[in-house]
Structure formats: C-alpha cells, structure tokens
C-alpha cells in the first residue's frame, strides 16, 4: 500500500508467491536533479511466516538510494542485517535498532545492484 508520495500503478506476483513487484507513480513527474520519496507499507496475514525483508534493486547507477524500514512495536525483530549486492559480490552487515522502531541505509552513486534489510525472530540462521 502506498502511504505517501505517490500511488501504486501496477502490481505483479511471481507464481511462486515469493516475489512481489510494484510500480510506483510519483505524485508529480521527477526530472534531474529533483528527487522524490515514496512511503509504502506491507500488511501480512496472521498465518504468514515471521521473517522478512525490504529492499530496492536498480539496474543503473543512482545518484542516491535510501532504504528506510519502520517496524510495528508489536513486531520488532530479534536480528536485522543489511545486504548490499553488486556485480562485485555481496556484503552483509549486522544492524541493530538500539531501542528505535526504524532504521535506514543510504548509498550515493550506487548501482547497479540491490540494497536490502532482512530480519527475523529467534536465532539468526547461519
């Protein structure tokens, strides 16, 4: 669900139901050097496994990439890691909320690649 900054104009779910894609349309057209921010939320059904992540992938270099994730106070994860995937490989960095309910990662001159946060409950799998 788009919370602010734009609307979802198209959706796609892979037949495995493990990958979902959304096309966001900003409130106003964006041209260089302007920027925009879109806030979106995901609501999971009660039977959904309690382990997940957020991320953003880009095919070309972006001037700036910001990934911001907020957690419901009733669903704060036990562990979080930041994952950066580029043609050079994958870098995993443990992250912590330290009492907060949100965290973010920012990259400048990033891409192509993907930046994501993944988290879970209980012990972190090896």
Protein backbone atom coordinates (compact mmCIF):
# COMPACT_ATOMS: atom_id res chain seq x y z
CA UNK A 1 0.00 0.00 0.00
CA UNK A 2 1.38 3.44 -0.92
CA UNK A 3 1.28 5.63 2.20
CA UNK A 4 2.58 8.87 0.74
CA UNK A 5 4.43 10.43 -2.16
CA UNK A 6 2.68 8.53 -4.92
CA UNK A 7 0.48 5.62 -5.81
CA UNK A 8 0.89 2.02 -6.92
CA UNK A 9 0.08 1.94 -10.64
CA UNK A 10 0.86 -1.75 -11.33
CA UNK A 11 1.44 -4.97 -9.35
CA UNK A 12 2.93 -8.36 -10.17
CA UNK A 13 3.32 -11.51 -8.10
CA UNK A 14 5.52 -14.37 -9.26
CA UNK A 15 3.69 -17.69 -9.49
CA UNK A 16 5.79 -18.96 -6.52
CA UNK A 17 4.22 -16.15 -4.44
CA UNK A 18 7.70 -15.46 -3.03
CA UNK A 19 8.47 -12.34 -5.10
CA UNK A 20 6.19 -9.35 -5.49
CA UNK A 21 6.74 -6.25 -7.60
CA UNK A 22 5.07 -2.87 -7.58
CA UNK A 23 5.36 0.10 -9.89
CA UNK A 24 5.09 3.39 -8.06
CA UNK A 25 3.91 6.52 -9.81
CA UNK A 26 5.09 9.68 -8.01
CA UNK A 27 2.65 12.49 -7.22
CA UNK A 28 4.46 14.72 -9.70
CA UNK A 29 6.88 13.94 -12.57
CA UNK A 30 10.51 13.81 -11.42
CA UNK A 31 13.34 15.07 -13.60
CA UNK A 32 17.03 15.53 -12.79
CA UNK A 33 18.22 16.94 -10.48
CA UNK A 34 14.95 16.72 -8.48
CA UNK A 35 14.17 13.78 -6.19
CA UNK A 36 11.14 12.20 -4.59
CA UNK A 37 10.32 9.94 -1.68
CA UNK A 38 7.61 7.31 -1.60
CA UNK A 39 6.50 5.68 1.63
CA UNK A 40 4.83 2.29 1.38
CA UNK A 41 3.64 -0.29 3.87
CA UNK A 42 3.11 -4.03 3.84
CA UNK A 43 0.46 -5.79 5.92
CA UNK A 44 0.91 -9.53 6.23
CA UNK A 45 -1.83 -12.04 7.03
CA UNK A 46 -1.58 -13.63 10.50
CA UNK A 47 -0.51 -17.01 9.08
CA UNK A 48 2.46 -15.50 7.17
CA UNK A 49 5.89 -16.67 8.44
CA UNK A 50 7.50 -14.12 10.78
CA UNK A 51 10.67 -13.48 8.81
CA UNK A 52 11.03 -10.95 6.08
CA UNK A 53 12.92 -8.10 4.49
CA UNK A 54 12.70 -4.95 2.44
CA UNK A 55 14.86 -3.93 -0.45
CA UNK A 56 15.33 -1.97 -3.61
CA UNK A 57 17.17 -3.01 -6.74
CA UNK A 58 18.34 -0.73 -9.51
CA UNK A 59 19.60 -1.52 -13.00
CA UNK A 60 21.65 1.67 -13.47
CA UNK A 61 23.65 3.93 -11.22
CA UNK A 62 21.52 6.15 -8.98
CA UNK A 63 22.65 9.44 -7.52
CA UNK A 64 21.28 8.43 -4.13
CA UNK A 65 19.44 5.39 -2.77
CA UNK A 66 17.71 5.47 0.60
CA UNK A 67 16.14 2.40 2.17
CA UNK A 68 14.13 3.17 5.31
CA UNK A 69 12.29 0.48 7.25
CA UNK A 70 9.89 1.01 10.16
CA UNK A 71 8.63 -1.75 12.44
CA UNK A 72 5.36 -2.10 14.28
CA UNK A 73 6.07 -2.01 18.04
CA UNK A 74 4.42 -5.46 18.31
CA UNK A 75 6.69 -6.92 15.62
CA UNK A 76 10.23 -5.76 16.43
CA UNK A 77 12.65 -8.40 15.08
CA UNK A 78 15.36 -10.13 17.10
CA UNK A 79 18.01 -9.61 14.41
CA UNK A 80 18.48 -7.44 11.33
CA UNK A 81 21.11 -7.41 8.63
CA UNK A 82 21.80 -5.05 5.77
CA UNK A 83 22.60 -6.74 2.46
CA UNK A 84 24.35 -4.95 -0.40
CA UNK A 85 24.51 -6.88 -3.67
CA UNK A 86 26.54 -5.54 -6.60
CA UNK A 87 28.39 -7.11 -9.54
CA UNK A 88 31.41 -7.24 -7.18
CA UNK A 89 29.59 -9.53 -4.73
CA UNK A 90 27.51 -9.47 -1.57
CA UNK A 91 28.28 -7.63 1.67
CA UNK A 92 26.23 -8.46 4.79
CA UNK A 93 26.36 -6.08 7.76
CA UNK A 94 24.58 -6.79 11.07
CA UNK A 95 22.32 -3.89 12.13
CA UNK A 96 20.55 -3.07 15.40
CA UNK A 97 17.56 -0.95 16.31
CA UNK A 98 19.01 0.02 19.72
CA UNK A 99 15.54 0.86 21.07
CA UNK A 100 14.31 2.59 17.90
CA UNK A 101 11.47 1.32 15.67
CA UNK A 102 13.12 2.19 12.34
CA UNK A 103 16.45 2.09 10.59
CA UNK A 104 17.79 3.23 7.26
CA UNK A 105 20.67 2.74 4.87
CA UNK A 106 21.82 5.25 2.28
CA UNK A 107 24.14 4.91 -0.71
CA UNK A 108 25.40 7.60 -3.03
CA UNK A 109 26.49 6.77 -6.57
CA UNK A 110 25.12 3.26 -6.12
CA UNK A 111 24.25 0.79 -8.81
CA UNK A 112 23.62 -1.40 -10.49
CA UNK A 113 22.71 -3.63 -7.61
CA UNK A 114 20.37 -4.11 -4.68
CA UNK A 115 20.26 -2.84 -1.13
CA UNK A 116 18.07 -4.65 1.37
CA UNK A 117 17.34 -5.25 5.03
CA UNK A 118 16.35 -8.69 6.17
CA UNK A 119 15.30 -9.70 9.62
CA UNK A 120 13.86 -12.49 11.68
CA UNK A 121 12.77 -13.75 15.04
CA UNK A 122 14.66 -16.12 17.28
CA UNK A 123 18.22 -17.05 16.42
CA UNK A 124 19.76 -15.74 13.21
CA UNK A 125 20.22 -18.61 10.75
CA UNK A 126 23.81 -19.36 9.72
